[in-house]
Amino acid sequence: MPPILDDAQPEGNVQALVQSFSMIIFSEIGDKTFLIAAILAMRHPRLIVFAGALGSLIVMSILSAAMGHILPTLIPKKWTQVAAAVLFLVFGSKMMLEARAMEAGNGKIQEEMKEAQEEIEDDDKEYVGERDGEESMEMRGIEEGHATEPAARTPQKATTYAEGLRNFCSFFLGPVFVQAFILTFLGEWGDRSQIATIALGAAHNVYLVALGTIIGHSCCTALAVIAGRYVSTKISVKHVTFGGSILFLLFGIIYLYEAYTMSSDMDMSIPISPADSPAVGLL
């Protein structure tokens, strides 16, 4: 019986790291989360923005890889390989069509930057509006002379748990860190790179996939906060999307081949009963 390769061998380790890292690079450069970090870095200290965005992406990478790691315990390993192959083939085909439909230049990235700018402005207005509303309630209570009464402070408790958690975190970590963390997390949730990370986590060692994606996110986030505006005006999203589509299609083909070889190895490893053994017939 030929040995079945697993993730413990060096080839599997290198493959997991390279695939997860390259997937993030081609998926995140010029993406909305990349532009959010770039815009925030132009308004606030770069180190704080970098820490908030990267912290969010680290949490997302670990969660996504862990979700992929759980799948083989629920579904046979062969079918998780097939599912990963289908996902990468679908994403690769979709990215190929998107690249062909894009015009040359950076018109697409300007649209993405405008959307990211609007999300940041809406978040700023919402946060400032909450603070102004609380301050106006306090001033009104002071003017009426019953600010210390429980009834006067009851409307302030109408805030949601999410708003309270955000205020609590902002007190200790700072509003800029929390804003970068939340906007990046919301922008990354359900994104193509998150689903691809889940697929990689189901096919490879979960720790190596998480490490590869974290390194890739670190490079992209650092590039965004240092020279995000300059990079967004120079890169061609059409070429990046086209390169990413080829990469995803290649991943899909690799996983289909691995699922096929895995099935063949399983068939060859079926034990032979003693009654069917030729040696028994000779005895």
C-alpha atoms as a PDB file:
ATOM      1  CA  MET A   1       0.000   0.000   0.000  1.00  0.00           C
ATOM      2  CA  PRO A   2       1.515   3.368  -0.974  1.00  0.00           C
ATOM      3  CA  PRO A   3       1.812   5.870   1.860  1.00  0.00           C
ATOM      4  CA  ILE A   4      -0.789   8.589   2.046  1.00  0.00           C
ATOM      5  CA  LEU A   5       0.704  12.061   2.388  1.00  0.00           C
ATOM      6  CA  ASP A   6      -0.521  14.164   5.264  1.00  0.00           C
ATOM      7  CA  ASP A   7       0.021  17.710   6.455  1.00  0.00           C
ATOM      8  CA  ALA A   8       2.837  16.637   8.734  1.00  0.00           C
ATOM      9  CA  GLN A   9       5.230  16.249   5.815  1.00  0.00           C
ATOM     10  CA  PRO A  10       7.291  19.238   4.642  1.00  0.00           C
ATOM     11  CA  GLU A  11       5.599  19.329   1.235  1.00  0.00           C
ATOM     12  CA  GLY A  12       2.195  19.751   2.853  1.00  0.00           C
ATOM     13  CA  ASN A  13       3.506  22.419   5.211  1.00  0.00           C
ATOM     14  CA  VAL A  14       4.985  24.498   2.404  1.00  0.00           C
ATOM     15  CA  GLN A  15       1.872  24.080   0.291  1.00  0.00           C
ATOM     16  CA  ALA A  16      -0.412  25.252   3.094  1.00  0.00           C
ATOM     17  CA  LEU A  17       1.720  28.322   3.818  1.00  0.00           C
ATOM     18  CA  VAL A  18       2.212  29.311   0.182  1.00  0.00           C
ATOM     19  CA  GLN A  19      -1.422  28.848  -0.799  1.00  0.00           C
ATOM     20  CA  SER A  20      -2.836  30.722   2.181  1.00  0.00           C
ATOM     21  CA  PHE A  21      -0.328  33.574   1.837  1.00  0.00           C
ATOM     22  CA  SER A  22      -0.738  34.011  -1.921  1.00  0.00           C
ATOM     23  CA  MET A  23      -4.525  33.763  -1.651  1.00  0.00           C
ATOM     24  CA  ILE A  24      -4.600  36.678   0.790  1.00  0.00           C
ATOM     25  CA  ILE A  25      -2.206  38.803  -1.274  1.00  0.00           C
ATOM     26  CA  PHE A  26      -4.251  38.485  -4.463  1.00  0.00           C
ATOM     27  CA  SER A  27      -7.585  38.826  -2.660  1.00  0.00           C
ATOM     28  CA  GLU A  28      -6.909  41.730  -0.312  1.00  0.00           C
ATOM     29  CA  ILE A  29      -4.778  44.232  -2.262  1.00  0.00           C
ATOM     30  CA  GLY A  30      -7.212  46.868  -3.473  1.00  0.00           C
ATOM     31  CA  ASP A  31     -10.088  45.301  -1.521  1.00  0.00           C
ATOM     32  CA  LYS A  32     -12.468  47.323   0.626  1.00  0.00           C
ATOM     33  CA  THR A  33     -10.734  46.397   3.897  1.00  0.00           C
ATOM     34  CA  PHE A  34      -7.415  47.444   2.341  1.00  0.00           C
ATOM     35  CA  LEU A  35      -8.872  50.845   1.428  1.00  0.00           C
ATOM     36  CA  ILE A  36     -10.530  51.289   4.822  1.00  0.00           C
ATOM     37  CA  ALA A  37      -7.151  50.911   6.507  1.00  0.00           C
ATOM     38  CA  ALA A  38      -5.581  53.298   3.975  1.00  0.00           C
ATOM     39  CA  ILE A  39      -8.208  56.011   4.525  1.00  0.00           C
ATOM     40  CA  LEU A  40      -8.136  55.697   8.315  1.00  0.00           C
ATOM     41  CA  ALA A  41      -4.337  55.933   8.263  1.00  0.00           C
ATOM     42  CA  MET A  42      -4.593  59.281   6.494  1.00  0.00           C
ATOM     43  CA  ARG A  43      -6.758  60.640   9.326  1.00  0.00           C
ATOM     44  CA  HIS A  44      -5.344  58.979  12.419  1.00  0.00           C
ATOM     45  CA  PRO A  45      -2.010  57.598  13.704  1.00  0.00           C
ATOM     46  CA  ARG A  46      -0.872  54.797  11.425  1.00  0.00           C
ATOM     47  CA  LEU A  47       0.292  52.506  14.203  1.00  0.00           C
ATOM     48  CA  ILE A  48      -3.098  52.531  15.931  1.00  0.00           C
ATOM     49  CA  VAL A  49      -4.943  51.930  12.648  1.00  0.00           C
ATOM     50  CA  PHE A  50      -2.551  49.106  11.796  1.00  0.00           C
ATOM     51  CA  ALA A  51      -3.038  47.498  15.211  1.00  0.00           C
ATOM     52  CA  GLY A  52      -6.831  47.715  15.023  1.00  0.00           C
ATOM     53  CA  ALA A  53      -7.155  46.436  11.450  1.00  0.00           C
ATOM     54  CA  LEU A  54      -4.592  43.666  11.877  1.00  0.00           C
ATOM     55  CA  GLY A  55      -6.105  42.590  15.200  1.00  0.00           C
ATOM     56  CA  SER A  56      -9.455  42.196  13.483  1.00  0.00           C
ATOM     57  CA  LEU A  57      -7.926  40.229  10.604  1.00  0.00           C
ATOM     58  CA  ILE A  58      -6.046  37.948  13.009  1.00  0.00           C
ATOM     59  CA  VAL A  59      -9.280  37.119  14.811  1.00  0.00           C
ATOM     60  CA  MET A  60     -11.007  36.537  11.471  1.00  0.00           C
ATOM     61  CA  SER A  61      -8.171  34.306  10.217  1.00  0.00           C
ATOM     62  CA  ILE A  62      -8.212  32.135  13.335  1.00  0.00           C
ATOM     63  CA  LEU A  63     -12.005  31.819  13.295  1.00  0.00           C
ATOM     64  CA  SER A  64     -12.108  30.962   9.591  1.00  0.00           C
ATOM     65  CA  ALA A  65      -9.305  28.398   9.792  1.00  0.00           C
ATOM     66  CA  ALA A  66     -10.951  26.829  12.857  1.00  0.00           C
ATOM     67  CA  MET A  67     -14.271  26.596  11.021  1.00  0.00           C
ATOM     68  CA  GLY A  68     -12.508  24.811   8.183  1.00  0.00           C
ATOM     69  CA  HIS A  69     -10.773  22.497  10.663  1.00  0.00           C
ATOM     70  CA  ILE A  70     -14.139  21.413  12.061  1.00  0.00           C
ATOM     71  CA  LEU A  71     -15.559  20.433   8.661  1.00  0.00           C
ATOM     72  CA  PRO A  72     -13.540  17.183   8.238  1.00  0.00           C
ATOM     73  CA  THR A  73     -14.967  15.976  11.550  1.00  0.00           C
ATOM     74  CA  LEU A  74     -18.471  16.369  10.115  1.00  0.00           C
ATOM     75  CA  ILE A  75     -17.805  15.457   6.468  1.00  0.00           C
ATOM     76  CA  PRO A  76     -15.378  12.856   5.074  1.00  0.00           C
ATOM     77  CA  LYS A  77     -11.978  14.246   4.131  1.00  0.00           C
ATOM     78  CA  LYS A  78     -12.495  13.386   0.459  1.00  0.00           C
ATOM     79  CA  TRP A  79     -15.639  15.480   0.203  1.00  0.00           C
ATOM     80  CA  THR A  80     -14.076  18.446   1.976  1.00  0.00           C
ATOM     81  CA  GLN A  81     -11.340  18.337  -0.684  1.00  0.00           C
ATOM     82  CA  VAL A  82     -13.993  18.263  -3.403  1.00  0.00           C
ATOM     83  CA  ALA A  83     -15.907  21.126  -1.752  1.00  0.00           C
ATOM     84  CA  ALA A  84     -12.721  23.195  -1.525  1.00  0.00           C
ATOM     85  CA  ALA A  85     -12.002  22.488  -5.202  1.00  0.00           C
ATOM     86  CA  VAL A  86     -15.506  23.569  -6.215  1.00  0.00           C
ATOM     87  CA  LEU A  87     -15.248  26.772  -4.177  1.00  0.00           C
ATOM     88  CA  PHE A  88     -11.923  27.745  -5.715  1.00  0.00           C
ATOM     89  CA  LEU A  89     -13.111  26.916  -9.227  1.00  0.00           C
ATOM     90  CA  VAL A  90     -16.277  28.994  -8.758  1.00  0.00           C
ATOM     91  CA  PHE A  91     -14.361  31.934  -7.275  1.00  0.00           C
ATOM     92  CA  GLY A  92     -11.694  31.689  -9.967  1.00  0.00           C
ATOM     93  CA  SER A  93     -14.264  31.660 -12.767  1.00  0.00           C
ATOM     94  CA  LYS A  94     -16.126  34.581 -11.229  1.00  0.00           C
ATOM     95  CA  MET A  95     -12.926  36.586 -10.827  1.00  0.00           C
ATOM     96  CA  MET A  96     -12.002  35.806 -14.439  1.00  0.00           C
ATOM     97  CA  LEU A  97     -15.331  37.190 -15.639  1.00  0.00           C
ATOM     98  CA  GLU A  98     -14.948  40.250 -13.415  1.00  0.00           C
ATOM     99  CA  ALA A  99     -11.454  40.899 -14.770  1.00  0.00           C
ATOM    100  CA  ARG A 100     -12.654  40.653 -18.379  1.00  0.00           C
ATOM    101  CA  ALA A 101     -15.502  43.087 -17.658  1.00  0.00           C
ATOM    102  CA  MET A 102     -13.219  45.647 -15.985  1.00  0.00           C
ATOM    103  CA  GLU A 103     -11.795  48.551 -17.897  1.00  0.00           C
ATOM    104  CA  ALA A 104      -8.070  49.221 -17.939  1.00  0.00           C
ATOM    105  CA  GLY A 105      -6.876  51.593 -15.239  1.00  0.00           C
ATOM    106  CA  ASN A 106      -7.993  52.048 -11.655  1.00  0.00           C
ATOM    107  CA  GLY A 107     -11.621  53.070 -12.114  1.00  0.00           C
ATOM    108  CA  LYS A 108     -12.835  50.073 -10.118  1.00  0.00           C
ATOM    109  CA  ILE A 109     -10.609  50.837  -7.170  1.00  0.00           C
ATOM    110  CA  GLN A 110     -11.862  54.430  -7.119  1.00  0.00           C
ATOM    111  CA  GLU A 111     -15.401  53.099  -6.730  1.00  0.00           C
ATOM    112  CA  GLU A 112     -14.262  50.834  -3.902  1.00  0.00           C
ATOM    113  CA  MET A 113     -12.506  53.761  -2.241  1.00  0.00           C
ATOM    114  CA  LYS A 114     -15.654  55.873  -2.470  1.00  0.00           C
ATOM    115  CA  GLU A 115     -17.673  53.112  -0.803  1.00  0.00           C
ATOM    116  CA  ALA A 116     -15.060  52.720   1.923  1.00  0.00           C
ATOM    117  CA  GLN A 117     -15.065  56.487   2.467  1.00  0.00           C
ATOM    118  CA  GLU A 118     -18.850  56.478   2.838  1.00  0.00           C
ATOM    119  CA  GLU A 119     -18.739  53.631   5.358  1.00  0.00           C
ATOM    120  CA  ILE A 120     -16.174  55.460   7.472  1.00  0.00           C
ATOM    121  CA  GLU A 121     -18.183  58.696   7.354  1.00  0.00           C
ATOM    122  CA  ASP A 122     -21.401  56.892   8.295  1.00  0.00           C
ATOM    123  CA  ASP A 123     -19.614  55.225  11.209  1.00  0.00           C
ATOM    124  CA  ASP A 124     -18.238  58.591  12.351  1.00  0.00           C
ATOM    125  CA  LYS A 125     -21.668  60.224  12.167  1.00  0.00           C
ATOM    126  CA  GLU A 126     -23.288  57.388  14.082  1.00  0.00           C
ATOM    127  CA  TYR A 127     -20.680  57.454  16.842  1.00  0.00           C
ATOM    128  CA  VAL A 128     -20.672  61.258  17.133  1.00  0.00           C
ATOM    129  CA  GLY A 129     -24.460  61.322  17.070  1.00  0.00           C
ATOM    130  CA  GLU A 130     -24.646  58.894  19.985  1.00  0.00           C
ATOM    131  CA  ARG A 131     -22.192  60.951  22.016  1.00  0.00           C
ATOM    132  CA  ASP A 132     -24.004  64.216  21.239  1.00  0.00           C
ATOM    133  CA  GLY A 133     -27.329  62.646  22.153  1.00  0.00           C
ATOM    134  CA  GLU A 134     -26.038  61.503  25.530  1.00  0.00           C
ATOM    135  CA  GLU A 135     -24.495  64.893  26.267  1.00  0.00           C
ATOM    136  CA  SER A 136     -27.710  66.728  25.320  1.00  0.00           C
ATOM    137  CA  MET A 137     -29.722  64.470  27.627  1.00  0.00           C
ATOM    138  CA  GLU A 138     -27.353  65.202  30.486  1.00  0.00           C
ATOM    139  CA  MET A 139     -27.476  68.960  29.889  1.00  0.00           C
ATOM    140  CA  ARG A 140     -31.274  68.900  29.699  1.00  0.00           C
ATOM    141  CA  GLY A 141     -31.438  67.054  33.021  1.00  0.00           C
ATOM    142  CA  ILE A 142     -29.094  69.545  34.669  1.00  0.00           C
ATOM    143  CA  GLU A 143     -31.151  72.491  33.436  1.00  0.00           C
ATOM    144  CA  GLU A 144     -34.362  70.926  34.724  1.00  0.00           C
ATOM    145  CA  GLY A 145     -32.722  70.240  38.093  1.00  0.00           C
ATOM    146  CA  HIS A 146     -33.388  66.517  38.329  1.00  0.00           C
ATOM    147  CA  ALA A 147     -30.398  65.019  36.549  1.00  0.00           C
ATOM    148  CA  THR A 148     -29.704  62.750  39.523  1.00  0.00           C
ATOM    149  CA  GLU A 149     -33.204  61.253  39.498  1.00  0.00           C
ATOM    150  CA  PRO A 150     -33.396  57.712  38.089  1.00  0.00           C
ATOM    151  CA  ALA A 151     -36.223  58.653  35.735  1.00  0.00           C
ATOM    152  CA  ALA A 152     -34.105  61.358  34.096  1.00  0.00           C
ATOM    153  CA  ARG A 153     -31.349  58.897  33.185  1.00  0.00           C
ATOM    154  CA  THR A 154     -33.589  56.078  32.025  1.00  0.00           C
ATOM    155  CA  PRO A 155     -33.629  57.082  28.290  1.00  0.00           C
ATOM    156  CA  GLN A 156     -29.836  56.856  28.192  1.00  0.00           C
ATOM    157  CA  LYS A 157     -30.088  53.101  28.800  1.00  0.00           C
ATOM    158  CA  ALA A 158     -31.874  52.595  25.492  1.00  0.00           C
ATOM    159  CA  THR A 159     -28.515  52.005  23.800  1.00  0.00           C
ATOM    160  CA  THR A 160     -27.938  48.513  22.451  1.00  0.00           C
ATOM    161  CA  TYR A 161     -25.441  46.034  23.843  1.00  0.00           C
ATOM    162  CA  ALA A 162     -23.270  46.538  20.772  1.00  0.00           C
ATOM    163  CA  GLU A 163     -23.051  50.268  21.405  1.00  0.00           C
ATOM    164  CA  GLY A 164     -22.270  49.682  25.062  1.00  0.00           C
ATOM    165  CA  LEU A 165     -19.545  47.201  24.174  1.00  0.00           C
ATOM    166  CA  ARG A 166     -18.088  49.652  21.696  1.00  0.00           C
ATOM    167  CA  ASN A 167     -18.019  52.446  24.285  1.00  0.00           C
ATOM    168  CA  PHE A 168     -16.426  50.107  26.822  1.00  0.00           C
ATOM    169  CA  CYS A 169     -13.697  49.037  24.379  1.00  0.00           C
ATOM    170  CA  SER A 170     -13.154  52.618  23.222  1.00  0.00           C
ATOM    171  CA  PHE A 171     -12.507  53.689  26.813  1.00  0.00           C
ATOM    172  CA  PHE A 172      -9.610  51.235  27.176  1.00  0.00           C
ATOM    173  CA  LEU A 173      -8.329  50.844  23.609  1.00  0.00           C
ATOM    174  CA  GLY A 174      -9.258  54.191  22.080  1.00  0.00           C
ATOM    175  CA  PRO A 175     -11.956  55.048  19.512  1.00  0.00           C
ATOM    176  CA  VAL A 176      -9.561  54.861  16.534  1.00  0.00           C
ATOM    177  CA  PHE A 177      -8.484  51.300  17.360  1.00  0.00           C
ATOM    178  CA  VAL A 178     -12.081  50.188  17.863  1.00  0.00           C
ATOM    179  CA  GLN A 179     -13.241  51.863  14.647  1.00  0.00           C
ATOM    180  CA  ALA A 180     -10.491  50.192  12.601  1.00  0.00           C
ATOM    181  CA  PHE A 181     -11.229  46.845  14.257  1.00  0.00           C
ATOM    182  CA  ILE A 182     -15.000  46.958  13.728  1.00  0.00           C
ATOM    183  CA  LEU A 183     -14.985  48.303  10.160  1.00  0.00           C
ATOM    184  CA  THR A 184     -12.362  45.760   9.091  1.00  0.00           C
ATOM    185  CA  PHE A 185     -14.197  42.873  10.750  1.00  0.00           C
ATOM    186  CA  LEU A 186     -17.523  43.792   9.162  1.00  0.00           C
ATOM    187  CA  GLY A 187     -15.896  44.318   5.767  1.00  0.00           C
ATOM    188  CA  GLU A 188     -14.110  40.955   5.913  1.00  0.00           C
ATOM    189  CA  TRP A 189     -17.031  38.870   7.187  1.00  0.00           C
ATOM    190  CA  GLY A 190     -18.466  36.809   4.350  1.00  0.00           C
ATOM    191  CA  ASP A 191     -15.766  38.040   1.985  1.00  0.00           C
ATOM    192  CA  ARG A 192     -14.180  35.809  -0.635  1.00  0.00           C
ATOM    193  CA  SER A 193     -10.945  35.554   1.319  1.00  0.00           C
ATOM    194  CA  GLN A 194     -12.764  34.368   4.449  1.00  0.00           C
ATOM    195  CA  ILE A 195     -14.552  31.572   2.591  1.00  0.00           C
ATOM    196  CA  ALA A 196     -11.289  30.619   0.883  1.00  0.00           C
ATOM    197  CA  THR A 197      -9.587  30.473   4.293  1.00  0.00           C
ATOM    198  CA  ILE A 198     -12.293  28.090   5.516  1.00  0.00           C
ATOM    199  CA  ALA A 199     -11.682  25.892   2.478  1.00  0.00           C
ATOM    200  CA  LEU A 200      -7.925  25.897   3.082  1.00  0.00           C
ATOM    201  CA  GLY A 201      -8.442  25.097   6.757  1.00  0.00           C
ATOM    202  CA  ALA A 202     -10.473  22.041   5.754  1.00  0.00           C
ATOM    203  CA  ALA A 203      -7.774  20.823   3.378  1.00  0.00           C
ATOM    204  CA  HIS A 204      -4.567  21.559   5.329  1.00  0.00           C
ATOM    205  CA  ASN A 205      -3.123  21.962   8.794  1.00  0.00           C
ATOM    206  CA  VAL A 206      -5.227  24.583  10.557  1.00  0.00           C
ATOM    207  CA  TYR A 207      -2.247  26.210  12.287  1.00  0.00           C
ATOM    208  CA  LEU A 208      -0.290  26.630   9.063  1.00  0.00           C
ATOM    209  CA  VAL A 209      -3.311  28.051   7.235  1.00  0.00           C
ATOM    210  CA  ALA A 210      -3.924  30.538  10.043  1.00  0.00           C
ATOM    211  CA  LEU A 211      -0.240  31.486  10.063  1.00  0.00           C
ATOM    212  CA  GLY A 212      -0.120  31.962   6.300  1.00  0.00           C
ATOM    213  CA  THR A 213      -3.236  34.124   6.229  1.00  0.00           C
ATOM    214  CA  ILE A 214      -2.044  36.210   9.169  1.00  0.00           C
ATOM    215  CA  ILE A 215       1.308  36.862   7.449  1.00  0.00           C
ATOM    216  CA  GLY A 216      -0.517  37.804   4.251  1.00  0.00           C
ATOM    217  CA  HIS A 217      -2.900  40.134   6.101  1.00  0.00           C
ATOM    218  CA  SER A 218       0.064  41.694   7.929  1.00  0.00           C
ATOM    219  CA  CYS A 219       1.797  42.527   4.654  1.00  0.00           C
ATOM    220  CA  CYS A 220      -1.364  43.915   3.048  1.00  0.00           C
ATOM    221  CA  THR A 221      -2.340  45.982   6.092  1.00  0.00           C
ATOM    222  CA  ALA A 222       1.162  47.387   6.469  1.00  0.00           C
ATOM    223  CA  LEU A 223       1.166  48.369   2.803  1.00  0.00           C
ATOM    224  CA  ALA A 224      -2.275  49.958   3.207  1.00  0.00           C
ATOM    225  CA  VAL A 225      -1.403  52.169   6.187  1.00  0.00           C
ATOM    226  CA  ILE A 226       2.009  53.178   4.823  1.00  0.00           C
ATOM    227  CA  ALA A 227       1.267  53.838   1.159  1.00  0.00           C
ATOM    228  CA  GLY A 228      -2.351  52.843   0.588  1.00  0.00           C
ATOM    229  CA  ARG A 229      -3.345  55.982  -1.291  1.00  0.00           C
ATOM    230  CA  TYR A 230      -0.311  55.836  -3.575  1.00  0.00           C
ATOM    231  CA  VAL A 231      -0.696  52.122  -4.242  1.00  0.00           C
ATOM    232  CA  SER A 232      -4.401  52.486  -5.035  1.00  0.00           C
ATOM    233  CA  THR A 233      -3.598  55.007  -7.779  1.00  0.00           C
ATOM    234  CA  LYS A 234      -0.831  52.894  -9.332  1.00  0.00           C
ATOM    235  CA  ILE A 235      -2.050  49.298  -9.307  1.00  0.00           C
ATOM    236  CA  SER A 236      -4.417  47.881 -11.891  1.00  0.00           C
ATOM    237  CA  VAL A 237      -7.276  46.021 -10.238  1.00  0.00           C
ATOM    238  CA  LYS A 238      -7.950  44.347 -13.567  1.00  0.00           C
ATOM    239  CA  HIS A 239      -4.505  42.716 -13.568  1.00  0.00           C
ATOM    240  CA  VAL A 240      -4.675  41.801  -9.871  1.00  0.00           C
ATOM    241  CA  THR A 241      -8.115  40.238 -10.312  1.00  0.00           C
ATOM    242  CA  PHE A 242      -6.939  38.356 -13.393  1.00  0.00           C
ATOM    243  CA  GLY A 243      -3.913  37.011 -11.505  1.00  0.00           C
ATOM    244  CA  GLY A 244      -6.106  36.020  -8.582  1.00  0.00           C
ATOM    245  CA  SER A 245      -8.492  34.164 -10.871  1.00  0.00           C
ATOM    246  CA  ILE A 246      -5.638  32.093 -12.305  1.00  0.00           C
ATOM    247  CA  LEU A 247      -4.424  31.339  -8.776  1.00  0.00           C
ATOM    248  CA  PHE A 248      -7.866  30.252  -7.583  1.00  0.00           C
ATOM    249  CA  LEU A 249      -8.433  28.076 -10.655  1.00  0.00           C
ATOM    250  CA  LEU A 250      -5.050  26.448 -10.048  1.00  0.00           C
ATOM    251  CA  PHE A 251      -6.008  25.732  -6.439  1.00  0.00           C
ATOM    252  CA  GLY A 252      -9.258  24.153  -7.621  1.00  0.00           C
ATOM    253  CA  ILE A 253      -7.430  21.850 -10.018  1.00  0.00           C
ATOM    254  CA  ILE A 254      -4.934  20.863  -7.308  1.00  0.00           C
ATOM    255  CA  TYR A 255      -7.678  19.968  -4.848  1.00  0.00           C
ATOM    256  CA  LEU A 256      -9.597  17.982  -7.452  1.00  0.00           C
ATOM    257  CA  TYR A 257      -6.449  15.987  -8.181  1.00  0.00           C
ATOM    258  CA  GLU A 258      -5.810  15.443  -4.466  1.00  0.00           C
ATOM    259  CA  ALA A 259      -9.405  14.273  -3.947  1.00  0.00           C
ATOM    260  CA  TYR A 260      -9.008  11.830  -6.851  1.00  0.00           C
ATOM    261  CA  THR A 261      -5.694  10.438  -5.602  1.00  0.00           C
ATOM    262  CA  MET A 262      -7.115  10.220  -2.093  1.00  0.00           C
ATOM    263  CA  SER A 263      -9.959   8.074  -3.427  1.00  0.00           C
ATOM    264  CA  SER A 264      -7.532   5.850  -5.331  1.00  0.00           C
ATOM    265  CA  ASP A 265      -5.322   5.365  -2.277  1.00  0.00           C
ATOM    266  CA  MET A 266      -8.345   4.450  -0.165  1.00  0.00           C
ATOM    267  CA  ASP A 267      -9.404   1.849  -2.734  1.00  0.00           C
ATOM    268  CA  MET A 268      -5.908   0.342  -2.799  1.00  0.00           C
ATOM    269  CA  SER A 269      -5.737   0.253   0.982  1.00  0.00           C
ATOM    270  CA  ILE A 270      -8.826  -1.998   1.364  1.00  0.00           C
ATOM    271  CA  PRO A 271      -7.667  -4.972   3.475  1.00  0.00           C
ATOM    272  CA  ILE A 272      -7.870  -8.437   2.009  1.00  0.00           C
ATOM    273  CA  SER A 273      -9.590 -11.050   4.141  1.00  0.00           C
ATOM    274  CA  PRO A 274      -7.571 -14.149   5.082  1.00  0.00           C
ATOM    275  CA  ALA A 275      -9.965 -16.400   3.161  1.00  0.00           C
ATOM    276  CA  ASP A 276      -9.266 -14.475  -0.076  1.00  0.00           C
ATOM    277  CA  SER A 277      -5.512 -14.497   0.360  1.00  0.00           C
ATOM    278  CA  PRO A 278      -3.613 -16.595  -2.235  1.00  0.00           C
ATOM    279  CA  ALA A 279      -1.275 -17.781   0.517  1.00  0.00           C
ATOM    280  CA  VAL A 280      -4.187 -19.407   2.333  1.00  0.00           C
ATOM    281  CA  GLY A 281      -5.139 -21.406  -0.758  1.00  0.00           C
ATOM    282  CA  LEU A 282      -1.637 -22.756  -1.052  1.00  0.00           C
ATOM    283  CA  LEU A 283      -1.627 -24.078   2.512  1.00  0.00           C
END
